[in-house]
Amino acid sequence: MRIAILGGGISGLTLAFYLQRAGVAYDLFEASAQPGGNIRSEQVDGYLLETGPNSLQLSDELSEVLDLLKLTDQIEETAAVSANRYVLRAGKYQKLPAAPPALLFNGFFSLKAKYNLLRELSRPALPANPEETLAGFFRRRFGPEIVDYALNPFISGIYAGDPEQLLLHKTFPKLAAMEQTYGSVLRGLAKGGTPGTRRRIISLRGGLQALPTALAAHLSQAHFGQGVTNIARTTTGSYTLETTAGPTGTAYDALVLALPAYAAAPLLQPLFPAAAAALAAVYYPPMTAIYTAYLRADVTHPLDGFGALHPKVEQPYAAGSIWTSSIYPGRVPPGYVLFTTFVGGTQYEAQARQPAAEQKAQVHAELSRLYGIRAVQPAWQYRYSWERAIPQFDYRIGAAHAAAAALLPQGIYTSANWLAGVGVPDCIRHARDLAEKIAKGAN
């Protein structure tokens, strides 16, 4: 059995890594000369920038991969202050409680919101509704203030999404299951362990790009700078490929789509037009990261946290900022602070399409107002943009997931964040599980 993996992002690399360990023949094809997809780390003017994920939750699957790659000693922990998270409210940053029980004793939410939070324990569970949005679910169970000042900024800042559009059963299926199993989300959290316990947040020395670089270095059959341009099927049901370097000359028993949905769609179009249409419809909003540095003496805010998120109800310009110099002090020149500010996503799409100069000026103006910055201009700024950032698990994603399932009998698997989940640990877990499934079928 020989497998062709289309795409060399974290999903494709992890899948190839585990297939190789299992002795399954494969070829991985990636259009870029550099492995890793959106996982990118750049050294620019003395600043270490992440132009993809800024940090990772250390899941069991990620820990296993780091151990196998001998990268465990390269783990870089976040500074202790990163446990603090802030949200903009009434024009000022307020610290979020560290765990759900603290919501009742913290001044962040109103008495009415706290009352609604307690009432969640006694609210009746409704039948499962696969079309219910995150906002609809949280509004029904916890009330509108929790949606506006907790859910909305979290979804916007982490998923570049809109909770009024993202589907509960696709985005957070465990919460939906808690209501059905326990009749209450809070009761389900209590029975499932300590509510609010966070996994370790880590990076790697030199940046997260060290992870895909190490994976690629272990692969014997990875072809970078060689994107697939056409898929054909033989009379025996196997697949042949054409790449930017020409035909591969190999017949493959199965294919794995480790590509963004929009990149997989045109390859599927000649053979599977219905699946191609479903994948092409998956929405990826634009997003821009503006990296802004100031002299520490010019910033009056203590910056004692991971960063701050902006609820849409506050009418901000940006979705929020990570305080990069606070969580990884060694990534900036001495005496400076660095903000990584995110502009765009589903709720801020217009801002994401503005000219670079306008984005930089607007970010500086907002940072100056919110952080008490005395400098007339930033000491340094840099911009990185994604025309299509994070796939949205909204009403369109169901058809794409159904298409992925329909392709399985045709010998086409999927290992990509639009199916596995948008987090890197989700992709690693899904790829490892798929490799195990393929290996079992090959033996």
Protein backbone atom coordinates (compact mmCIF):
# COMPACT_ATOMS: atom_id res chain seq x y z
CA MET A 1 0.00 0.00 0.00
CA ARG A 2 1.29 3.47 -0.91
CA ILE A 3 -0.26 6.73 0.26
CA ALA A 4 0.02 10.20 -1.27
CA ILE A 5 -0.24 13.04 1.22
CA LEU A 6 -1.21 16.37 -0.32
CA GLY A 7 0.05 19.19 1.89
CA GLY A 8 2.99 19.70 4.22
CA GLY A 9 1.43 21.67 7.03
CA ILE A 10 1.33 20.30 10.57
CA SER A 11 -1.36 17.74 9.66
CA GLY A 12 0.43 16.31 6.64
CA LEU A 13 3.82 16.27 8.37
CA THR A 14 2.46 14.52 11.46
CA LEU A 15 0.60 11.97 9.36
CA ALA A 16 3.72 11.19 7.31
CA PHE A 17 5.81 10.96 10.47
CA TYR A 18 3.54 8.31 12.01
CA LEU A 19 3.04 6.42 8.74
CA GLN A 20 6.81 6.20 8.37
CA ARG A 21 7.14 4.88 11.91
CA ALA A 22 4.49 2.26 11.09
CA GLY A 23 6.29 1.18 7.92
CA VAL A 24 3.61 2.42 5.50
CA ALA A 25 4.91 3.70 2.16
CA TYR A 26 3.99 7.30 1.40
CA ASP A 27 4.91 10.38 -0.59
CA LEU A 28 4.22 13.85 0.79
CA PHE A 29 3.87 16.76 -1.65
CA GLU A 30 4.00 20.40 -0.57
CA ALA A 31 3.92 23.40 -2.90
CA SER A 32 6.03 25.56 -0.61
CA ALA A 33 9.75 25.02 -0.23
CA GLN A 34 9.25 25.41 3.51
CA PRO A 35 7.36 22.90 5.70
CA GLY A 36 4.75 23.85 8.24
CA GLY A 37 1.94 25.66 6.45
CA ASN A 38 0.85 28.56 8.65
CA ILE A 39 3.34 27.77 11.41
CA ARG A 40 6.00 30.40 10.79
CA SER A 41 8.62 32.10 12.96
CA GLU A 42 10.59 35.09 11.72
CA GLN A 43 13.53 37.07 13.06
CA VAL A 44 13.02 40.70 12.04
CA ASP A 45 15.15 43.60 13.28
CA GLY A 46 15.94 41.86 16.56
CA TYR A 47 12.35 40.69 17.21
CA LEU A 48 11.32 37.02 17.13
CA LEU A 49 7.83 36.98 15.59
CA GLU A 50 5.31 34.19 15.25
CA THR A 51 3.40 34.75 12.00
CA GLY A 52 1.10 31.82 12.71
CA PRO A 53 0.16 30.32 16.08
CA ASN A 54 1.78 32.32 18.89
CA SER A 55 1.85 29.47 21.39
CA LEU A 56 0.46 25.96 21.85
CA GLN A 57 -1.49 24.08 24.50
CA LEU A 58 0.62 21.10 25.56
CA SER A 59 -1.74 18.19 24.89
CA ASP A 60 -0.75 14.56 25.37
CA GLU A 61 -0.41 14.11 21.61
CA LEU A 62 1.79 17.18 21.19
CA SER A 63 3.92 16.08 24.15
CA GLU A 64 4.41 12.67 22.50
CA VAL A 65 5.52 14.24 19.21
CA LEU A 66 7.95 16.57 20.96
CA ASP A 67 9.40 13.62 22.85
CA LEU A 68 9.80 11.51 19.70
CA LEU A 69 11.48 14.42 17.94
CA LYS A 70 13.73 15.05 20.95
CA LEU A 71 12.43 18.59 21.25
CA THR A 72 11.31 18.38 24.87
CA ASP A 73 14.39 20.22 26.05
CA GLN A 74 13.54 23.03 23.61
CA ILE A 75 10.20 23.80 25.28
CA GLU A 76 9.93 27.45 26.29
CA GLU A 77 7.46 28.12 29.07
CA THR A 78 5.44 31.31 29.19
CA ALA A 79 6.26 33.78 31.96
CA ALA A 80 4.24 33.46 35.17
CA VAL A 81 2.15 36.56 34.37
CA SER A 82 0.65 34.76 31.35
CA ALA A 83 -1.97 33.26 33.67
CA ASN A 84 -3.62 36.69 33.72
CA ARG A 85 -6.04 37.42 30.88
CA TYR A 86 -7.73 40.77 30.28
CA VAL A 87 -10.91 41.86 28.52
CA LEU A 88 -11.91 45.37 27.50
CA ARG A 89 -14.97 46.64 29.34
CA ALA A 90 -16.26 50.21 29.52
CA GLY A 91 -13.13 51.34 27.73
CA LYS A 92 -10.68 49.84 30.24
CA TYR A 93 -9.00 46.49 30.66
CA GLN A 94 -10.29 44.27 33.43
CA LYS A 95 -8.80 40.98 34.54
CA LEU A 96 -10.85 37.87 33.85
CA PRO A 97 -11.35 35.38 36.69
CA ALA A 98 -8.94 32.45 36.44
CA ALA A 99 -11.68 29.81 36.82
CA PRO A 100 -15.51 29.70 36.42
CA PRO A 101 -16.27 29.60 40.19
CA ALA A 102 -14.40 32.88 40.62
CA LEU A 103 -16.94 34.56 38.35
CA LEU A 104 -19.30 34.73 41.33
CA PHE A 105 -16.83 36.66 43.48
CA ASN A 106 -15.09 38.79 40.89
CA GLY A 107 -16.27 42.27 39.96
CA PHE A 108 -16.00 41.72 36.22
CA PHE A 109 -19.65 40.66 35.72
CA SER A 110 -22.77 42.35 37.02
CA LEU A 111 -24.98 40.87 39.74
CA LYS A 112 -27.55 40.01 37.06
CA ALA A 113 -24.94 38.10 35.06
CA LYS A 114 -23.87 36.19 38.20
CA TYR A 115 -27.49 35.36 38.93
CA ASN A 116 -27.91 34.04 35.38
CA LEU A 117 -24.74 32.01 35.82
CA LEU A 118 -26.11 30.32 38.95
CA ARG A 119 -29.46 29.71 37.29
CA GLU A 120 -27.71 27.65 34.61
CA LEU A 121 -27.74 24.74 37.07
CA SER A 122 -31.54 24.69 37.11
CA ARG A 123 -32.35 25.62 33.52
CA PRO A 124 -33.96 22.72 31.66
CA ALA A 125 -31.95 21.06 28.92
CA LEU A 126 -33.37 21.31 25.41
CA PRO A 127 -33.15 18.57 22.79
CA ALA A 128 -29.91 18.59 20.83
CA ASN A 129 -30.04 21.03 17.92
CA PRO A 130 -27.22 20.66 15.37
CA GLU A 131 -28.04 24.12 13.98
CA GLU A 132 -27.69 25.98 17.29
CA THR A 133 -24.98 28.62 17.31
CA LEU A 134 -22.52 29.22 20.12
CA ALA A 135 -24.14 32.54 20.94
CA GLY A 136 -27.60 31.00 20.96
CA PHE A 137 -26.49 28.26 23.33
CA PHE A 138 -24.61 30.53 25.74
CA ARG A 139 -27.36 33.14 25.71
CA ARG A 140 -29.92 30.45 26.50
CA ARG A 141 -27.88 28.88 29.29
CA PHE A 142 -25.98 31.86 30.76
CA GLY A 143 -27.58 35.09 29.58
CA PRO A 144 -26.53 37.91 27.23
CA GLU A 145 -23.74 39.48 29.30
CA ILE A 146 -21.70 36.28 29.29
CA VAL A 147 -22.08 36.19 25.50
CA ASP A 148 -21.01 39.82 25.06
CA TYR A 149 -18.07 39.94 27.45
CA ALA A 150 -16.77 36.36 27.66
CA LEU A 151 -17.81 34.31 24.65
CA ASN A 152 -17.61 36.99 21.97
CA PRO A 153 -14.05 38.20 22.65
CA PHE A 154 -12.79 34.65 23.13
CA ILE A 155 -14.23 33.43 19.81
CA SER A 156 -13.09 36.53 17.96
CA GLY A 157 -9.59 36.50 19.41
CA ILE A 158 -8.90 32.77 19.24
CA TYR A 159 -10.95 31.60 16.25
CA ALA A 160 -11.27 34.86 14.26
CA GLY A 161 -14.96 34.01 14.33
CA ASP A 162 -18.42 35.22 15.24
CA PRO A 163 -20.29 33.24 17.92
CA GLU A 164 -23.56 34.25 16.26
CA GLN A 165 -22.49 32.13 13.27
CA LEU A 166 -20.30 29.31 14.60
CA LEU A 167 -22.15 26.08 15.36
CA LEU A 168 -22.04 24.68 18.88
CA HIS A 169 -21.98 21.02 17.81
CA LYS A 170 -19.07 21.62 15.43
CA THR A 171 -17.01 24.04 17.53
CA PHE A 172 -17.54 22.82 21.12
CA PRO A 173 -19.32 19.45 20.93
CA LYS A 174 -18.33 18.62 24.52
CA LEU A 175 -20.43 21.52 25.84
CA ALA A 176 -23.43 20.29 23.88
CA ALA A 177 -22.88 16.80 25.30
CA MET A 178 -22.73 18.17 28.87
CA GLU A 179 -26.18 19.66 28.55
CA GLN A 180 -27.58 16.40 27.22
CA THR A 181 -25.78 14.18 29.75
CA TYR A 182 -25.92 16.27 32.92
CA GLY A 183 -28.67 18.78 32.16
CA SER A 184 -26.21 21.59 32.89
CA VAL A 185 -22.84 22.77 31.58
CA LEU A 186 -21.64 23.77 35.05
CA ARG A 187 -22.64 20.40 36.45
CA GLY A 188 -20.83 18.68 33.60
CA LEU A 189 -17.69 20.73 34.23
CA ALA A 190 -17.79 19.86 37.91
CA LYS A 191 -18.14 16.15 37.24
CA GLY A 192 -15.45 16.22 34.60
CA GLY A 193 -12.74 17.59 36.89
CA THR A 194 -11.57 20.95 38.14
CA PRO A 195 -13.40 23.63 36.13
CA GLY A 196 -11.15 26.13 34.44
CA THR A 197 -7.94 24.09 34.71
CA ARG A 198 -5.68 25.22 31.89
CA ARG A 199 -3.16 23.13 30.02
CA ARG A 200 0.41 24.38 29.92
CA ILE A 201 0.96 27.00 27.25
CA ILE A 202 4.33 26.59 25.55
CA SER A 203 6.50 27.62 22.67
CA LEU A 204 9.88 26.37 21.45
CA ARG A 205 13.22 28.11 21.60
CA GLY A 206 13.69 30.01 18.40
CA GLY A 207 9.96 29.85 17.65
CA LEU A 208 7.29 27.28 16.87
CA GLN A 209 8.60 26.70 13.37
CA ALA A 210 11.12 24.37 15.00
CA LEU A 211 8.30 21.78 15.22
CA PRO A 212 7.49 21.41 11.49
CA THR A 213 11.18 21.76 10.64
CA ALA A 214 12.02 18.82 12.91
CA LEU A 215 9.16 16.73 11.53
CA ALA A 216 10.26 17.38 7.95
CA ALA A 217 13.85 16.44 8.79
CA HIS A 218 12.68 12.98 9.87
CA LEU A 219 10.77 12.25 6.65
CA SER A 220 12.36 10.23 3.89
CA GLN A 221 9.67 10.79 1.23
CA ALA A 222 8.72 14.45 1.54
CA HIS A 223 8.81 16.56 -1.62
CA PHE A 224 8.83 20.29 -0.85
CA GLY A 225 8.46 22.88 -3.58
CA GLN A 226 6.37 20.34 -5.47
CA GLY A 227 2.64 21.03 -5.34
CA VAL A 228 0.03 18.68 -6.79
CA THR A 229 -1.72 20.15 -9.83
CA ASN A 230 -3.95 17.28 -10.96
CA ILE A 231 -5.43 14.02 -9.68
CA ALA A 232 -6.43 11.19 -12.02
CA ARG A 233 -7.86 7.76 -11.36
CA THR A 234 -6.81 4.54 -13.07
CA THR A 235 -9.12 1.76 -14.20
CA THR A 236 -8.07 -0.25 -11.13
CA GLY A 237 -9.14 2.52 -8.76
CA SER A 238 -5.70 3.78 -7.80
CA TYR A 239 -4.66 7.42 -8.18
CA THR A 240 -1.96 9.12 -10.19
CA LEU A 241 -0.71 12.65 -9.64
CA GLU A 242 0.76 15.47 -11.62
CA THR A 243 2.84 18.02 -9.75
CA THR A 244 4.63 21.21 -10.60
CA ALA A 245 7.64 18.99 -11.34
CA GLY A 246 5.63 16.75 -13.71
CA PRO A 247 3.88 13.36 -13.33
CA THR A 248 5.03 11.36 -10.32
CA GLY A 249 4.96 8.07 -12.22
CA THR A 250 3.54 6.30 -9.17
CA ALA A 251 0.12 4.78 -8.56
CA TYR A 252 -1.27 5.43 -5.08
CA ASP A 253 -3.78 3.24 -3.29
CA ALA A 254 -5.13 6.20 -1.32
CA LEU A 255 -4.82 9.96 -1.04
CA VAL A 256 -4.88 12.19 2.02
CA LEU A 257 -6.06 15.76 1.70
CA ALA A 258 -3.88 17.70 4.16
CA LEU A 259 -4.74 20.99 2.49
CA PRO A 260 -6.98 23.96 3.22
CA ALA A 261 -10.47 23.31 1.89
CA TYR A 262 -10.09 26.00 -0.77
CA ALA A 263 -6.85 24.39 -2.02
CA ALA A 264 -8.30 20.86 -2.08
CA ALA A 265 -11.48 21.89 -3.94
CA PRO A 266 -9.99 22.49 -7.43
CA LEU A 267 -8.05 19.22 -7.26
CA LEU A 268 -11.25 17.31 -6.53
CA GLN A 269 -13.37 19.13 -9.12
CA PRO A 270 -12.76 16.84 -12.16
CA LEU A 271 -13.48 13.60 -10.28
CA PHE A 272 -15.74 14.64 -7.41
CA PRO A 273 -17.50 17.92 -8.29
CA ALA A 274 -20.04 17.78 -5.44
CA ALA A 275 -17.34 17.36 -2.82
CA ALA A 276 -15.31 20.12 -4.47
CA ALA A 277 -18.25 22.53 -4.25
CA ALA A 278 -18.75 21.79 -0.55
CA LEU A 279 -15.08 22.39 0.23
CA ALA A 280 -14.92 25.57 -1.85
CA ALA A 281 -17.75 27.03 0.24
CA VAL A 282 -15.86 26.80 3.56
CA TYR A 283 -15.27 30.35 4.78
CA TYR A 284 -11.81 31.60 5.74
CA PRO A 285 -11.91 35.25 6.86
CA PRO A 286 -8.97 37.59 6.26
CA MET A 287 -6.72 38.46 9.20
CA THR A 288 -3.78 40.76 9.76
CA ALA A 289 -1.23 40.79 12.58
CA ILE A 290 0.34 44.13 13.42
CA TYR A 291 3.48 43.86 15.55
CA THR A 292 4.09 47.14 17.42
CA ALA A 293 7.03 47.93 19.71
CA TYR A 294 7.56 50.81 22.14
CA LEU A 295 10.16 51.78 24.67
CA ARG A 296 9.00 50.28 27.97
CA ALA A 297 9.28 53.70 29.59
CA ASP A 298 6.63 55.03 27.17
CA VAL A 299 3.96 52.49 28.19
CA THR A 300 2.19 53.14 31.50
CA HIS A 301 0.17 49.90 31.59
CA PRO A 302 1.84 47.15 33.69
CA LEU A 303 1.34 44.53 30.93
CA ASP A 304 1.06 41.86 33.61
CA GLY A 305 -0.64 39.20 31.57
CA PHE A 306 -0.90 37.14 28.40
CA GLY A 307 -2.83 39.83 26.59
CA ALA A 308 -6.25 41.40 26.18
CA LEU A 309 -9.32 40.65 24.09
CA HIS A 310 -11.88 43.12 22.77
CA PRO A 311 -15.62 42.39 22.84
CA LYS A 312 -17.46 43.53 19.72
CA VAL A 313 -19.90 45.47 21.90
CA GLU A 314 -17.04 47.81 22.86
CA GLN A 315 -16.70 48.80 19.17
CA PRO A 316 -12.91 48.35 18.98
CA TYR A 317 -10.68 48.51 15.94
CA ALA A 318 -8.75 45.30 16.63
CA ALA A 319 -9.85 41.96 18.05
CA GLY A 320 -7.18 42.23 20.74
CA SER A 321 -3.45 41.95 21.42
CA ILE A 322 -0.99 39.43 22.79
CA TRP A 323 1.62 41.01 25.07
CA THR A 324 4.49 39.16 23.46
CA SER A 325 7.24 40.78 25.52
CA SER A 326 5.43 39.87 28.75
CA ILE A 327 5.07 36.17 28.02
CA TYR A 328 8.39 35.71 26.17
CA PRO A 329 10.69 38.54 27.36
CA GLY A 330 13.70 37.23 25.45
CA ARG A 331 12.06 37.76 22.06
CA VAL A 332 12.43 41.55 21.99
CA PRO A 333 15.40 43.91 22.35
CA PRO A 334 16.12 45.03 25.94
CA GLY A 335 14.09 48.00 27.07
CA TYR A 336 11.24 47.47 24.60
CA VAL A 337 7.74 45.96 24.75
CA LEU A 338 5.99 44.25 21.86
CA PHE A 339 2.27 43.96 21.12
CA THR A 340 0.97 41.42 18.59
CA THR A 341 -2.38 42.87 17.56
CA PHE A 342 -4.95 41.04 15.44
CA VAL A 343 -7.05 42.94 12.94
CA GLY A 344 -9.78 41.20 11.00
CA GLY A 345 -11.65 37.93 11.28
CA THR A 346 -15.34 37.43 10.63
CA GLN A 347 -16.44 40.33 12.82
CA TYR A 348 -13.79 42.80 11.64
CA GLU A 349 -13.42 41.89 7.97
CA ALA A 350 -13.52 45.49 6.73
CA GLN A 351 -10.52 46.41 8.89
CA ALA A 352 -8.56 43.43 7.56
CA ARG A 353 -8.85 44.76 4.01
CA GLN A 354 -7.62 48.27 4.74
CA PRO A 355 -4.23 49.44 3.42
CA ALA A 356 -1.23 48.54 5.56
CA ALA A 357 -0.48 52.14 6.52
CA GLU A 358 -4.04 52.66 7.73
CA GLN A 359 -3.96 49.47 9.79
CA LYS A 360 -0.69 50.40 11.44
CA ALA A 361 -1.90 53.92 12.25
CA GLN A 362 -5.21 52.68 13.67
CA VAL A 363 -3.51 50.04 15.80
CA HIS A 364 -1.07 52.60 17.19
CA ALA A 365 -3.94 54.96 18.00
CA GLU A 366 -5.92 52.24 19.80
CA LEU A 367 -2.90 50.96 21.71
CA SER A 368 -2.01 54.50 22.76
CA ARG A 369 -5.51 55.12 24.11
CA LEU A 370 -5.89 51.80 25.94
CA TYR A 371 -2.39 51.36 27.34
CA GLY A 372 -1.47 54.93 28.21
CA ILE A 373 1.31 55.10 25.65
CA ARG A 374 3.14 58.41 25.59
CA ALA A 375 5.11 57.93 22.37
CA VAL A 376 3.89 59.88 19.35
CA GLN A 377 4.91 57.02 17.06
CA PRO A 378 5.84 53.38 17.65
CA ALA A 379 9.51 52.54 17.93
CA TRP A 380 8.91 49.78 15.36
CA GLN A 381 6.02 48.17 13.46
CA TYR A 382 5.64 45.17 11.18
CA ARG A 383 2.67 43.70 9.36
CA TYR A 384 1.78 40.15 8.33
CA SER A 385 -1.52 39.24 6.68
CA TRP A 386 -3.52 36.16 5.78
CA GLU A 387 -6.03 36.53 2.97
CA ARG A 388 -7.70 33.36 4.27
CA ALA A 389 -6.91 32.69 7.91
CA ILE A 390 -8.92 30.19 9.99
CA PRO A 391 -11.74 27.96 8.64
CA GLN A 392 -15.07 28.81 10.22
CA PHE A 393 -17.21 26.03 11.64
CA ASP A 394 -20.44 27.77 10.62
CA TYR A 395 -23.45 26.57 8.61
CA ARG A 396 -21.19 25.79 5.63
CA ILE A 397 -18.87 23.37 7.42
CA GLY A 398 -21.41 20.54 7.72
CA ALA A 399 -21.47 19.97 3.96
CA ALA A 400 -17.65 19.90 3.88
CA HIS A 401 -17.52 17.34 6.69
CA ALA A 402 -20.14 15.24 4.90
CA ALA A 403 -18.08 15.45 1.71
CA ALA A 404 -14.98 14.25 3.56
CA ALA A 405 -16.96 11.25 4.83
CA ALA A 406 -18.32 10.53 1.32
CA LEU A 407 -14.77 10.48 -0.09
CA LEU A 408 -13.60 7.74 2.28
CA PRO A 409 -15.00 4.83 0.22
CA GLN A 410 -13.18 6.35 -2.76
CA GLY A 411 -9.84 6.00 -0.98
CA ILE A 412 -9.51 9.69 -0.14
CA TYR A 413 -8.89 10.65 3.48
CA THR A 414 -8.76 14.09 5.03
CA SER A 415 -6.37 15.36 7.68
CA ALA A 416 -6.73 19.13 7.90
CA ASN A 417 -7.88 21.75 10.39
CA TRP A 418 -11.22 22.26 8.64
CA LEU A 419 -12.09 18.73 9.74
CA ALA A 420 -9.87 18.00 12.76
CA GLY A 421 -10.33 21.34 14.55
CA VAL A 422 -8.42 24.57 14.16
CA GLY A 423 -5.86 24.06 16.95
CA VAL A 424 -2.44 22.56 16.29
CA PRO A 425 -2.97 19.90 19.01
CA ASP A 426 -6.29 18.98 17.34
CA CYS A 427 -4.51 18.49 14.01
CA ILE A 428 -1.74 16.42 15.58
CA ARG A 429 -4.23 14.15 17.35
CA HIS A 430 -6.32 13.67 14.21
CA ALA A 431 -3.26 12.95 12.04
CA ARG A 432 -1.87 10.42 14.50
CA ASP A 433 -5.22 8.63 14.73
CA LEU A 434 -5.57 8.56 10.94
CA ALA A 435 -2.07 7.15 10.55
CA GLU A 436 -2.98 4.36 12.97
CA LYS A 437 -6.17 3.63 11.00
CA ILE A 438 -4.30 3.53 7.66
CA ALA A 439 -1.54 1.35 9.11
CA LYS A 440 -4.07 -1.17 10.41
CA GLY A 441 -5.69 -1.32 6.98
CA ALA A 442 -2.32 -1.85 5.31
CA ASN A 443 -1.35 -4.82 7.50
